[in-house]
Amino acid sequence: MDTSVVDFYRHAPDYDAEYADLTADIAWSKRLCRMYARGGHVLEMACGTGRITLPIAWQAMQLGYWVTGVDLSPDMLSRASAKVAAEDPSLQSQLQLIEGDMRTVNAGIERYNLVLVPFHSFAHLLTTHDQRAALHNCHNHLQVGGHFVADVFLPDPAKLAHGLTRHAPIIEREAQLADGYNLVRSYTTRYHPATQLLEVTYFYNFYDAIGRLIANRCYRSQTTMRMIFPAEWELLLADAGFTIIDRWSDYDGTPFGTGHGMKMLFLCQRT
C-alpha cells in the first residue's frame, strides 16, 4: 500500500466537492446491490467519505440488506461517520463503518453476499504481494456463491507514454465549494514502465468569487498508483479463487473490449 495514501486523503471536504457530480458509479453500485445483495450483506472496501456507501445503505433499507464500509483514512471515515450521524437513525441500523486496511481487515460479518472496491482504490496497492493480500481477504469475506467487483483502470498506453517525462500541469477538474471558493485541480504524472507505477502530483488552487487566487488555501498532494493490465488482472483474480462471470468497460454495462470505456469492471464469483 502507498504509505502516503492516508496523507493524500486528508482533505475530505474538498474530495466531496470534487466528486459531487460523479453519480454514474453510484447508480452502478446500487444496481449490483439489487442483483446480488438482497437479504444479505454488502462489504465496500475503501468506502472513503461514504459517497457510494450512503446511497446503497438507503437502498438497503428498502430491499433488506446491510452494508459495511471499510476505509484506511481516518479523515475520510470521520466525514462518512458525520454524514451517517446526520441521517435518519433508521439508516444507522443498516450500516456500519470500520477503519481498516483492505489487505488485513476483519469486517466482522461471517460471510458477505457482495464485496465492492470502488473508484480505482485498488490502484493504491503498489505490489503484487499487496494486491494478492487484498484480493484473498475480499475472497475470504464472501460466502460461497458471493460476488466481487473492483472498479479498476484500463491503462491507456498513449497516456502512459506521455507521462514518461514531466509535463506542464493539466487542468482536470473544477468545483464550487460550500465556503464560496472555486477549486481548480490540475495534475502532472510520471510513469515508470518497469514497475508499472504512476506517480501523480495534484495541484489544488482556490479562487474567490471574482477570480482571485487564495494562496493560503492552495496545496498539492502526491500519490502513486499501480497500473494493472487485463491479462494480469485475470491472473490475480484467478489466484485469489475468483471465477470471472461478466466483464464491462463502463458503468453503463458496455461489454469489455468494446466502446470507449476505459475500465475493467469484472464481475467475479466465489465458487
Protein backbone atom coordinates (compact mmCIF):
# COMPACT_ATOMS: atom_id res chain seq x y z
CA MET A 1 0.00 0.00 0.00
CA ASP A 2 1.23 3.51 -0.82
CA THR A 3 2.39 4.80 2.58
CA SER A 4 1.31 8.34 1.63
CA VAL A 5 -2.28 7.34 0.89
CA VAL A 6 -3.60 8.45 4.29
CA ASP A 7 -1.97 11.87 3.86
CA PHE A 8 -3.30 12.10 0.30
CA TYR A 9 -6.89 11.74 1.53
CA ARG A 10 -6.68 14.15 4.46
CA HIS A 11 -8.78 16.85 2.70
CA ALA A 12 -12.10 15.01 2.88
CA PRO A 13 -14.42 18.04 2.35
CA ASP A 14 -12.52 19.01 -0.81
CA TYR A 15 -12.77 15.41 -2.02
CA ASP A 16 -16.56 15.52 -1.68
CA ALA A 17 -16.73 18.81 -3.60
CA GLU A 18 -14.50 17.46 -6.38
CA TYR A 19 -16.69 14.43 -7.00
CA ALA A 20 -20.13 15.81 -6.20
CA ASP A 21 -21.11 15.47 -9.86
CA LEU A 22 -19.96 11.85 -10.16
CA THR A 23 -23.08 9.72 -9.92
CA ALA A 24 -22.69 7.03 -12.59
CA ASP A 25 -20.77 4.69 -10.29
CA ILE A 26 -23.38 5.22 -7.56
CA ALA A 27 -26.16 4.02 -9.87
CA TRP A 28 -23.95 1.11 -10.99
CA SER A 29 -23.19 0.09 -7.40
CA LYS A 30 -26.86 0.26 -6.44
CA ARG A 31 -27.70 -1.97 -9.40
CA LEU A 32 -25.11 -4.53 -8.29
CA CYS A 33 -26.56 -4.49 -4.78
CA ARG A 34 -30.08 -5.02 -6.10
CA MET A 35 -28.90 -8.02 -8.10
CA TYR A 36 -26.54 -9.71 -5.65
CA ALA A 37 -27.13 -8.50 -2.08
CA ARG A 38 -30.84 -8.85 -1.41
CA GLY A 39 -31.38 -10.28 2.05
CA GLY A 40 -27.65 -10.37 2.84
CA HIS A 41 -24.64 -8.16 3.48
CA VAL A 42 -22.52 -5.85 1.29
CA LEU A 43 -18.90 -5.01 2.09
CA GLU A 44 -17.45 -1.87 0.50
CA MET A 45 -13.68 -1.69 0.80
CA ALA A 46 -12.16 1.82 0.55
CA CYS A 47 -15.52 3.47 1.18
CA GLY A 48 -13.99 6.94 1.67
CA THR A 49 -16.44 9.65 2.71
CA GLY A 50 -19.44 7.42 2.02
CA ARG A 51 -20.15 8.89 -1.42
CA ILE A 52 -21.34 5.47 -2.58
CA THR A 53 -21.90 3.87 0.83
CA LEU A 54 -24.78 6.06 1.93
CA PRO A 55 -26.84 5.68 -1.27
CA ILE A 56 -26.52 1.90 -1.20
CA ALA A 57 -27.39 1.92 2.52
CA TRP A 58 -30.58 3.89 1.82
CA GLN A 59 -31.45 1.32 -0.82
CA ALA A 60 -30.65 -1.40 1.72
CA MET A 61 -33.47 -0.12 3.94
CA GLN A 62 -35.92 -0.79 1.11
CA LEU A 63 -34.54 -4.10 -0.14
CA GLY A 64 -33.44 -5.73 3.10
CA TYR A 65 -29.66 -5.98 3.01
CA TRP A 66 -26.95 -4.49 5.26
CA VAL A 67 -23.83 -2.50 4.43
CA THR A 68 -20.35 -2.38 5.95
CA GLY A 69 -17.87 0.27 4.80
CA VAL A 70 -14.12 -0.01 5.42
CA ASP A 71 -11.51 2.70 4.86
CA LEU A 72 -7.87 3.26 5.79
CA SER A 73 -8.11 7.06 6.08
CA PRO A 74 -9.32 8.42 9.45
CA ASP A 75 -10.18 11.75 7.81
CA MET A 76 -12.35 10.21 5.11
CA LEU A 77 -14.01 7.83 7.55
CA SER A 78 -14.69 10.65 10.03
CA ARG A 79 -16.53 12.58 7.33
CA ALA A 80 -18.51 9.48 6.39
CA SER A 81 -19.44 8.96 10.05
CA ALA A 82 -20.60 12.58 10.35
CA LYS A 83 -22.84 12.10 7.33
CA VAL A 84 -24.36 8.96 8.81
CA ALA A 85 -24.95 10.73 12.15
CA ALA A 86 -26.87 13.47 10.35
CA GLU A 87 -29.18 10.98 8.62
CA ASP A 88 -32.35 9.28 9.86
CA PRO A 89 -31.46 6.97 12.79
CA SER A 90 -33.03 4.06 10.95
CA LEU A 91 -30.18 4.25 8.42
CA GLN A 92 -27.66 3.53 11.14
CA SER A 93 -29.15 0.09 11.71
CA GLN A 94 -28.35 -0.79 8.08
CA LEU A 95 -24.76 0.48 8.06
CA GLN A 96 -21.52 0.12 9.97
CA LEU A 97 -18.18 1.85 9.28
CA ILE A 98 -14.81 0.34 10.16
CA GLU A 99 -11.33 1.84 9.98
CA GLY A 100 -9.10 -0.74 8.38
CA ASP A 101 -6.82 -1.89 5.58
CA MET A 102 -8.38 -3.94 2.79
CA ARG A 103 -5.41 -6.32 2.90
CA THR A 104 -5.93 -7.35 6.51
CA VAL A 105 -9.22 -6.05 7.91
CA ASN A 106 -11.66 -8.41 9.58
CA ALA A 107 -15.02 -6.81 8.80
CA GLY A 108 -16.92 -8.79 11.37
CA ILE A 109 -19.75 -10.43 9.44
CA GLU A 110 -19.14 -14.15 8.93
CA ARG A 111 -19.76 -14.03 5.18
CA TYR A 112 -20.89 -11.33 2.72
CA ASN A 113 -23.03 -11.64 -0.39
CA LEU A 114 -21.19 -8.89 -2.28
CA VAL A 115 -17.80 -7.16 -1.92
CA LEU A 116 -17.10 -3.91 -3.79
CA VAL A 117 -13.84 -1.98 -4.22
CA PRO A 118 -14.97 1.29 -5.84
CA PHE A 119 -13.46 4.14 -7.81
CA HIS A 120 -9.94 2.93 -8.63
CA SER A 121 -8.99 2.42 -4.98
CA PHE A 122 -7.31 -0.87 -5.82
CA ALA A 123 -4.60 1.12 -7.68
CA HIS A 124 -3.17 2.24 -4.32
CA LEU A 125 -1.89 -1.32 -3.81
CA LEU A 126 1.60 -0.98 -5.26
CA THR A 127 2.98 -4.51 -5.20
CA THR A 128 1.75 -7.89 -6.35
CA HIS A 129 2.05 -9.04 -2.74
CA ASP A 130 -0.34 -6.29 -1.58
CA GLN A 131 -2.74 -6.91 -4.46
CA ARG A 132 -2.87 -10.63 -3.71
CA ALA A 133 -3.38 -9.97 0.01
CA ALA A 134 -6.32 -7.64 -0.66
CA LEU A 135 -7.98 -9.98 -3.16
CA HIS A 136 -7.59 -13.01 -0.88
CA ASN A 137 -9.07 -11.01 2.00
CA CYS A 138 -12.04 -9.96 -0.15
CA HIS A 139 -12.48 -13.61 -1.21
CA ASN A 140 -12.37 -14.80 2.39
CA HIS A 141 -15.13 -12.35 3.37
CA LEU A 142 -17.53 -13.78 0.76
CA GLN A 143 -19.90 -16.65 1.18
CA VAL A 144 -19.67 -19.40 -1.42
CA GLY A 145 -21.52 -18.08 -4.49
CA GLY A 146 -20.97 -14.48 -3.40
CA HIS A 147 -19.85 -11.81 -5.86
CA PHE A 148 -16.91 -9.42 -6.07
CA VAL A 149 -16.33 -6.35 -8.28
CA ALA A 150 -13.50 -3.82 -8.26
CA ASP A 151 -13.56 -0.59 -10.27
CA VAL A 152 -10.13 -0.77 -11.95
CA PHE A 153 -8.47 1.47 -14.55
CA LEU A 154 -7.81 0.09 -18.00
CA PRO A 155 -4.37 1.60 -18.68
CA ASP A 156 -4.06 3.78 -21.77
CA PRO A 157 -0.59 3.19 -23.30
CA ALA A 158 -0.62 6.54 -25.13
CA LYS A 159 -1.30 8.48 -21.94
CA LEU A 160 1.27 6.46 -20.02
CA ALA A 161 3.88 7.16 -22.71
CA HIS A 162 3.10 10.87 -22.41
CA GLY A 163 3.84 10.55 -18.71
CA LEU A 164 7.34 9.15 -19.21
CA THR A 165 8.60 12.72 -18.77
CA ARG A 166 7.26 15.54 -16.63
CA HIS A 167 4.94 17.96 -18.40
CA ALA A 168 3.01 21.12 -17.60
CA PRO A 169 0.06 20.57 -15.23
CA ILE A 170 -3.18 19.55 -16.94
CA ILE A 171 -6.40 21.06 -15.57
CA GLU A 172 -8.63 18.13 -14.74
CA ARG A 173 -11.49 19.24 -12.52
CA GLU A 174 -13.29 22.34 -11.26
CA ALA A 175 -15.74 22.53 -8.37
CA GLN A 176 -17.55 25.12 -6.27
CA LEU A 177 -17.11 24.72 -2.52
CA ALA A 178 -19.57 25.35 0.29
CA ASP A 179 -17.44 28.26 1.56
CA GLY A 180 -17.90 30.06 -1.76
CA TYR A 181 -14.45 29.34 -3.16
CA ASN A 182 -13.88 27.72 -6.52
CA LEU A 183 -11.50 24.78 -6.71
CA VAL A 184 -9.40 24.12 -9.80
CA ARG A 185 -7.45 20.84 -9.70
CA SER A 186 -4.62 20.11 -12.10
CA TYR A 187 -2.04 17.34 -12.18
CA THR A 188 1.24 16.07 -13.56
CA THR A 189 2.25 12.42 -13.93
CA ARG A 190 5.40 10.35 -14.22
CA TYR A 191 5.15 6.71 -15.34
CA HIS A 192 7.74 4.02 -14.63
CA PRO A 193 7.23 1.13 -17.09
CA ALA A 194 9.46 -1.35 -15.24
CA THR A 195 7.34 -1.18 -12.09
CA GLN A 196 4.02 -0.08 -13.67
CA LEU A 197 3.91 2.72 -11.10
CA LEU A 198 2.32 6.05 -11.96
CA GLU A 199 3.38 8.98 -9.78
CA VAL A 200 0.73 11.70 -9.70
CA THR A 201 1.04 15.18 -8.26
CA TYR A 202 -2.24 17.11 -7.87
CA PHE A 203 -2.31 20.88 -7.51
CA TYR A 204 -5.32 22.37 -5.71
CA ASN A 205 -5.83 26.07 -6.42
CA PHE A 206 -8.66 28.03 -4.86
CA TYR A 207 -10.21 31.24 -6.17
CA ASP A 208 -12.74 33.66 -4.73
CA ALA A 209 -15.94 34.75 -6.48
CA ILE A 210 -14.12 37.33 -8.63
CA GLY A 211 -11.28 35.01 -9.62
CA ARG A 212 -8.54 35.99 -7.17
CA LEU A 213 -6.21 33.20 -6.09
CA ILE A 214 -6.48 32.38 -2.37
CA ALA A 215 -2.82 31.49 -1.85
CA ASN A 216 -3.09 30.34 1.77
CA ARG A 217 -5.81 27.84 0.79
CA CYS A 218 -3.82 26.19 -2.02
CA TYR A 219 -1.92 22.94 -1.59
CA ARG A 220 -0.60 19.98 -3.52
CA SER A 221 -0.91 16.24 -2.89
CA GLN A 222 1.09 13.35 -4.24
CA THR A 223 0.18 9.73 -4.66
CA THR A 224 1.39 6.67 -6.52
CA MET A 225 -0.78 4.15 -8.33
CA ARG A 226 -0.04 0.73 -9.78
CA MET A 227 -1.31 0.17 -13.31
CA ILE A 228 -2.80 -3.28 -13.91
CA PHE A 229 -3.22 -4.70 -17.41
CA PRO A 230 -6.09 -7.02 -18.40
CA ALA A 231 -4.25 -10.36 -18.54
CA GLU A 232 -2.52 -9.52 -15.26
CA TRP A 233 -5.87 -8.70 -13.63
CA GLU A 234 -7.33 -12.01 -14.79
CA LEU A 235 -4.38 -13.89 -13.25
CA LEU A 236 -4.67 -12.01 -9.95
CA LEU A 237 -8.38 -12.78 -9.73
CA ALA A 238 -7.85 -16.46 -10.56
CA ASP A 239 -5.05 -16.67 -7.99
CA ALA A 240 -7.45 -15.39 -5.32
CA GLY A 241 -10.00 -18.07 -6.19
CA PHE A 242 -12.44 -15.97 -8.21
CA THR A 243 -14.28 -17.01 -11.36
CA ILE A 244 -14.99 -14.16 -13.78
CA ILE A 245 -18.61 -14.34 -14.94
CA ASP A 246 -19.02 -10.98 -16.74
CA ARG A 247 -16.86 -8.08 -17.94
CA TRP A 248 -17.77 -4.47 -18.63
CA SER A 249 -15.77 -1.45 -19.77
CA ASP A 250 -18.04 1.21 -18.27
CA TYR A 251 -20.81 1.72 -15.73
CA ASP A 252 -23.47 1.51 -18.44
CA GLY A 253 -22.78 -2.20 -18.98
CA THR A 254 -20.79 -1.87 -22.21
CA PRO A 255 -19.08 -5.23 -22.77
CA PHE A 256 -15.36 -5.17 -22.05
CA GLY A 257 -13.24 -4.59 -25.16
CA THR A 258 -15.97 -2.66 -26.98
CA GLY A 259 -16.92 1.01 -26.99
CA HIS A 260 -14.79 3.73 -25.41
CA GLY A 261 -14.92 2.73 -21.75
CA MET A 262 -11.56 2.73 -20.01
CA LYS A 263 -12.33 0.41 -17.11
CA MET A 264 -12.00 -3.23 -16.17
CA LEU A 265 -15.24 -3.95 -14.34
CA PHE A 266 -15.08 -7.72 -13.96
CA LEU A 267 -17.91 -9.38 -12.08
CA CYS A 268 -16.45 -12.31 -10.16
CA GLN A 269 -17.86 -15.11 -8.04
CA ARG A 270 -16.51 -17.17 -5.20
CA THR A 271 -17.26 -20.68 -6.40
